[in-house]
Amino acid sequence: MKKGERPKTNVRLHSEREDWVQALVLAAMGISIMPENNAVLPGLKTRLLVEPEVTRTISLVDLGGRPYEPAMQNLIRLADTFDWD
């Protein structure tokens, strides 16, 4: 594969439930890319993916004018103090 070229994929099954995805992998129905610190089902083998680098964007979104519970206030305060760069 040439540098900058995207690998070809053939997605047959997908789910937002990580336990289901892992069960499919354990059943030899494919592979998955998951976060490094993800809990893993027993018997599932993992390996670190070095290249290509995988990134994602996560957003903190709220409804304007809505009062926050104390836990949400703490989360927003914590997010504001983190150096995201």
C-alpha atoms as a PDB file:
ATOM      1  CA  MET A   1       0.000   0.000   0.000  1.00  0.00           C
ATOM      2  CA  LYS A   2       1.337   3.430  -0.905  1.00  0.00           C
ATOM      3  CA  LYS A   3       1.803   6.110   1.730  1.00  0.00           C
ATOM      4  CA  GLY A   4      -1.413   8.094   2.185  1.00  0.00           C
ATOM      5  CA  GLU A   5      -3.486   5.418   0.449  1.00  0.00           C
ATOM      6  CA  ARG A   6      -6.519   4.216   2.399  1.00  0.00           C
ATOM      7  CA  PRO A   7      -6.936   0.477   2.914  1.00  0.00           C
ATOM      8  CA  LYS A   8      -9.960  -1.139   1.300  1.00  0.00           C
ATOM      9  CA  THR A   9     -12.544  -2.472   3.746  1.00  0.00           C
ATOM     10  CA  ASN A  10     -15.541  -4.728   3.367  1.00  0.00           C
ATOM     11  CA  VAL A  11     -17.868  -4.015   6.306  1.00  0.00           C
ATOM     12  CA  ARG A  12     -20.501  -6.752   6.617  1.00  0.00           C
ATOM     13  CA  LEU A  13     -21.605  -6.351  10.224  1.00  0.00           C
ATOM     14  CA  HIS A  14     -21.391  -3.461  12.653  1.00  0.00           C
ATOM     15  CA  SER A  15     -22.745  -2.541  16.061  1.00  0.00           C
ATOM     16  CA  GLU A  16     -22.448   0.230  18.597  1.00  0.00           C
ATOM     17  CA  ARG A  17     -22.281  -2.396  21.354  1.00  0.00           C
ATOM     18  CA  GLU A  18     -18.654  -3.301  21.955  1.00  0.00           C
ATOM     19  CA  ASP A  19     -19.553  -6.607  23.629  1.00  0.00           C
ATOM     20  CA  TRP A  20     -21.395  -7.716  20.481  1.00  0.00           C
ATOM     21  CA  VAL A  21     -18.494  -6.675  18.265  1.00  0.00           C
ATOM     22  CA  GLN A  22     -16.083  -8.625  20.451  1.00  0.00           C
ATOM     23  CA  ALA A  23     -18.394 -11.653  20.381  1.00  0.00           C
ATOM     24  CA  LEU A  24     -18.365 -11.530  16.562  1.00  0.00           C
ATOM     25  CA  VAL A  25     -14.562 -11.415  16.584  1.00  0.00           C
ATOM     26  CA  LEU A  26     -14.434 -14.363  19.013  1.00  0.00           C
ATOM     27  CA  ALA A  27     -16.731 -16.248  16.628  1.00  0.00           C
ATOM     28  CA  ALA A  28     -14.119 -15.711  13.868  1.00  0.00           C
ATOM     29  CA  MET A  29     -16.468 -13.441  11.930  1.00  0.00           C
ATOM     30  CA  GLY A  30     -13.986 -10.603  11.465  1.00  0.00           C
ATOM     31  CA  ILE A  31     -11.750  -8.077  13.153  1.00  0.00           C
ATOM     32  CA  SER A  32     -12.286  -4.807  14.983  1.00  0.00           C
ATOM     33  CA  ILE A  33     -10.413  -1.653  15.908  1.00  0.00           C
ATOM     34  CA  MET A  34     -11.163  -0.572  19.476  1.00  0.00           C
ATOM     35  CA  PRO A  35      -9.698   1.820  22.037  1.00  0.00           C
ATOM     36  CA  GLU A  36      -6.468   0.634  23.650  1.00  0.00           C
ATOM     37  CA  ASN A  37      -7.877   0.646  27.200  1.00  0.00           C
ATOM     38  CA  ASN A  38     -11.128  -1.091  26.295  1.00  0.00           C
ATOM     39  CA  ALA A  39     -12.295  -3.994  28.450  1.00  0.00           C
ATOM     40  CA  VAL A  40     -11.747  -7.193  26.471  1.00  0.00           C
ATOM     41  CA  LEU A  41     -13.729 -10.437  26.596  1.00  0.00           C
ATOM     42  CA  PRO A  42     -11.743 -13.490  27.813  1.00  0.00           C
ATOM     43  CA  GLY A  43     -10.061 -15.330  24.945  1.00  0.00           C
ATOM     44  CA  LEU A  44      -9.864 -12.294  22.662  1.00  0.00           C
ATOM     45  CA  LYS A  45      -6.361 -11.550  21.401  1.00  0.00           C
ATOM     46  CA  THR A  46      -5.292  -7.936  20.925  1.00  0.00           C
ATOM     47  CA  ARG A  47      -2.385  -6.139  19.333  1.00  0.00           C
ATOM     48  CA  LEU A  48      -1.384  -2.494  19.207  1.00  0.00           C
ATOM     49  CA  LEU A  49      -2.117  -0.711  15.937  1.00  0.00           C
ATOM     50  CA  VAL A  50       0.817   1.593  15.126  1.00  0.00           C
ATOM     51  CA  GLU A  51       0.188   2.597  11.521  1.00  0.00           C
ATOM     52  CA  PRO A  52      -1.905   4.136  10.214  1.00  0.00           C
ATOM     53  CA  GLU A  53      -2.489   6.406  13.206  1.00  0.00           C
ATOM     54  CA  VAL A  54      -6.132   6.287  14.253  1.00  0.00           C
ATOM     55  CA  THR A  55      -7.739   9.421  15.698  1.00  0.00           C
ATOM     56  CA  ARG A  56     -11.237  10.575  16.523  1.00  0.00           C
ATOM     57  CA  THR A  57     -12.986  13.753  17.578  1.00  0.00           C
ATOM     58  CA  ILE A  58     -15.105  13.784  20.728  1.00  0.00           C
ATOM     59  CA  SER A  59     -17.438  16.706  21.462  1.00  0.00           C
ATOM     60  CA  LEU A  60     -19.086  17.878  24.663  1.00  0.00           C
ATOM     61  CA  VAL A  61     -22.496  19.254  23.644  1.00  0.00           C
ATOM     62  CA  ASP A  62     -25.289  20.694  25.764  1.00  0.00           C
ATOM     63  CA  LEU A  63     -28.683  22.342  25.471  1.00  0.00           C
ATOM     64  CA  GLY A  64     -28.289  26.089  26.039  1.00  0.00           C
ATOM     65  CA  GLY A  65     -30.118  27.673  28.974  1.00  0.00           C
ATOM     66  CA  ARG A  66     -30.594  24.398  30.805  1.00  0.00           C
ATOM     67  CA  PRO A  67     -29.457  24.202  34.479  1.00  0.00           C
ATOM     68  CA  TYR A  68     -26.744  21.627  35.178  1.00  0.00           C
ATOM     69  CA  GLU A  69     -26.655  19.037  37.900  1.00  0.00           C
ATOM     70  CA  PRO A  70     -23.545  19.279  40.127  1.00  0.00           C
ATOM     71  CA  ALA A  71     -21.928  16.269  38.421  1.00  0.00           C
ATOM     72  CA  MET A  72     -22.327  17.891  34.986  1.00  0.00           C
ATOM     73  CA  GLN A  73     -20.938  21.194  36.319  1.00  0.00           C
ATOM     74  CA  ASN A  74     -17.862  19.300  37.526  1.00  0.00           C
ATOM     75  CA  LEU A  75     -17.453  17.535  34.169  1.00  0.00           C
ATOM     76  CA  ILE A  76     -17.626  20.816  32.244  1.00  0.00           C
ATOM     77  CA  ARG A  77     -15.202  22.476  34.664  1.00  0.00           C
ATOM     78  CA  LEU A  78     -12.788  19.547  34.299  1.00  0.00           C
ATOM     79  CA  ALA A  79     -13.060  19.625  30.492  1.00  0.00           C
ATOM     80  CA  ASP A  80     -12.317  23.374  30.512  1.00  0.00           C
ATOM     81  CA  THR A  81      -9.088  22.836  32.470  1.00  0.00           C
ATOM     82  CA  PHE A  82      -7.704  20.121  30.156  1.00  0.00           C
ATOM     83  CA  ASP A  83      -5.155  21.090  27.486  1.00  0.00           C
ATOM     84  CA  TRP A  84      -6.831  19.571  24.398  1.00  0.00           C
ATOM     85  CA  ASP A  85      -3.973  20.457  22.020  1.00  0.00           C
END
